[in-house]
Amino acid sequence: MLKTIHHVQLAMPEDHENAARSFYADVLGLGEVPKPENLAKRGGCWFELGDVKVHLGVMQDFRAATKAHPAFLVDDLAEMRARCEVASVACIDDEPLEGFARLYVFDPFGNRIELMERLR
């Protein structure tokens, strides 16, 4: 029986770890964690904040995930929008979803990311 999601894996092109760090750490606020030694040789990088774990793995013949995407809950969507805009990350508003304010961004590799704030 499933309990929870352990992590989300997204693909990235080879040798673009610094771009991943700039987006996932500097813009989204996730902390980088070391990859296990046996996996580090594959490239990529891992990030987490609390229970949120995002693994970026190198993919040969990389293709971005432009439809499938993770959706992250945030405390303050306006603040996250501002952080994205300061970093020149475009924010795309979407149709309302009952109980949530939300927007989409794309990481430096074109992977779609949804950011959601629960409305009170």
Protein backbone atom coordinates (compact mmCIF):
# COMPACT_ATOMS: atom_id res chain seq x y z
CA MET A 1 0.00 0.00 0.00
CA LEU A 2 1.31 3.46 -0.90
CA LYS A 3 2.03 5.85 1.97
CA THR A 4 3.42 9.04 0.46
CA ILE A 5 5.70 10.37 -2.25
CA HIS A 6 9.37 10.13 -1.30
CA HIS A 7 10.71 12.43 -4.03
CA VAL A 8 10.03 13.84 -7.47
CA GLN A 9 12.59 13.20 -10.22
CA LEU A 10 12.96 15.66 -13.07
CA ALA A 11 15.37 15.39 -15.97
CA MET A 12 18.05 17.88 -16.92
CA PRO A 13 20.73 18.09 -19.59
CA GLU A 14 24.29 17.04 -18.80
CA ASP A 15 26.64 19.58 -17.14
CA HIS A 16 23.87 22.02 -16.14
CA GLU A 17 24.02 21.55 -12.36
CA ASN A 18 24.81 25.23 -11.74
CA ALA A 19 21.67 26.30 -13.59
CA ALA A 20 19.68 23.81 -11.50
CA ARG A 21 21.17 25.25 -8.29
CA SER A 22 20.33 28.80 -9.36
CA PHE A 23 16.68 27.91 -9.87
CA TYR A 24 15.88 25.26 -7.28
CA ALA A 25 17.99 26.71 -4.45
CA ASP A 26 18.15 30.44 -5.16
CA VAL A 27 14.66 30.98 -6.60
CA LEU A 28 12.52 28.24 -5.05
CA GLY A 29 14.45 28.12 -1.76
CA LEU A 30 15.25 24.40 -1.64
CA GLY A 31 18.50 23.31 -0.04
CA GLU A 32 20.91 21.15 -1.98
CA VAL A 33 21.73 17.82 -0.35
CA PRO A 34 24.62 15.57 -1.37
CA LYS A 35 23.85 12.68 -3.66
CA PRO A 36 25.00 9.28 -2.43
CA GLU A 37 28.53 8.59 -3.65
CA ASN A 38 27.44 5.70 -5.87
CA LEU A 39 24.93 7.96 -7.68
CA ALA A 40 26.95 11.19 -7.81
CA LYS A 41 28.98 9.97 -10.79
CA ARG A 42 25.81 10.14 -12.91
CA GLY A 43 25.62 13.93 -12.53
CA GLY A 44 22.56 15.90 -11.52
CA CYS A 45 21.75 17.22 -8.07
CA TRP A 46 19.25 16.74 -5.27
CA PHE A 47 17.30 19.36 -3.33
CA GLU A 48 14.97 19.31 -0.35
CA LEU A 49 13.06 21.48 2.08
CA GLY A 50 11.24 19.62 4.83
CA ASP A 51 9.35 16.76 3.20
CA VAL A 52 9.75 18.19 -0.32
CA LYS A 53 12.48 16.32 -2.21
CA VAL A 54 13.37 17.06 -5.82
CA HIS A 55 16.00 15.02 -7.66
CA LEU A 56 17.42 16.35 -10.92
CA GLY A 57 18.88 13.57 -13.01
CA VAL A 58 20.93 13.86 -16.18
CA MET A 59 19.13 12.51 -19.22
CA GLN A 60 20.85 11.76 -22.51
CA ASP A 61 18.84 13.20 -25.42
CA PHE A 62 17.09 15.41 -22.85
CA ARG A 63 13.50 16.48 -23.41
CA ALA A 64 11.73 18.77 -20.97
CA ALA A 65 8.53 17.77 -19.19
CA THR A 66 6.25 20.52 -20.49
CA LYS A 67 2.90 18.99 -19.47
CA ALA A 68 3.59 16.51 -16.66
CA HIS A 69 4.74 18.46 -13.62
CA PRO A 70 5.09 18.54 -9.85
CA ALA A 71 2.88 20.99 -7.95
CA PHE A 72 4.36 22.53 -4.81
CA LEU A 73 2.31 24.15 -2.06
CA VAL A 74 3.70 27.53 -0.96
CA ASP A 75 2.82 29.77 1.97
CA ASP A 76 2.78 33.01 -0.03
CA LEU A 77 2.27 32.84 -3.79
CA ALA A 78 2.77 36.59 -4.22
CA GLU A 79 6.18 36.35 -2.56
CA MET A 80 7.14 33.39 -4.74
CA ARG A 81 5.99 35.27 -7.84
CA ALA A 82 8.20 38.20 -6.81
CA ARG A 83 11.21 35.89 -6.29
CA CYS A 84 10.66 34.41 -9.73
CA GLU A 85 10.29 37.78 -11.41
CA VAL A 86 13.48 39.13 -9.78
CA ALA A 87 15.28 36.10 -11.25
CA SER A 88 13.68 36.71 -14.69
CA VAL A 89 11.62 33.52 -14.39
CA ALA A 90 8.32 34.05 -16.19
CA CYS A 91 5.15 33.31 -14.19
CA ILE A 92 2.12 32.01 -16.04
CA ASP A 93 -1.29 32.30 -14.41
CA ASP A 94 -3.73 29.47 -15.01
CA GLU A 95 -7.46 28.99 -14.65
CA PRO A 96 -8.69 28.96 -11.06
CA LEU A 97 -8.72 25.73 -9.10
CA GLU A 98 -11.21 25.78 -6.24
CA GLY A 99 -9.46 26.57 -2.98
CA PHE A 100 -6.11 27.52 -4.52
CA ALA A 101 -4.28 30.39 -6.15
CA ARG A 102 -1.72 29.01 -8.57
CA LEU A 103 0.76 29.72 -11.29
CA TYR A 104 3.24 27.89 -13.47
CA VAL A 105 6.93 28.48 -14.03
CA PHE A 106 9.52 26.61 -16.05
CA ASP A 107 12.90 25.62 -14.71
CA PRO A 108 16.00 26.54 -16.78
CA PHE A 109 15.57 23.33 -18.78
CA GLY A 110 11.90 23.84 -19.66
CA ASN A 111 10.39 21.52 -17.05
CA ARG A 112 6.99 22.79 -15.92
CA ILE A 113 6.53 23.53 -12.20
CA GLU A 114 3.22 24.48 -10.57
CA LEU A 115 3.19 26.66 -7.46
CA MET A 116 0.00 26.67 -5.39
CA GLU A 117 -1.23 28.56 -2.34
CA ARG A 118 -4.20 27.24 -0.39
CA LEU A 119 -6.81 29.99 -0.03
CA ARG A 120 -8.18 30.58 3.44
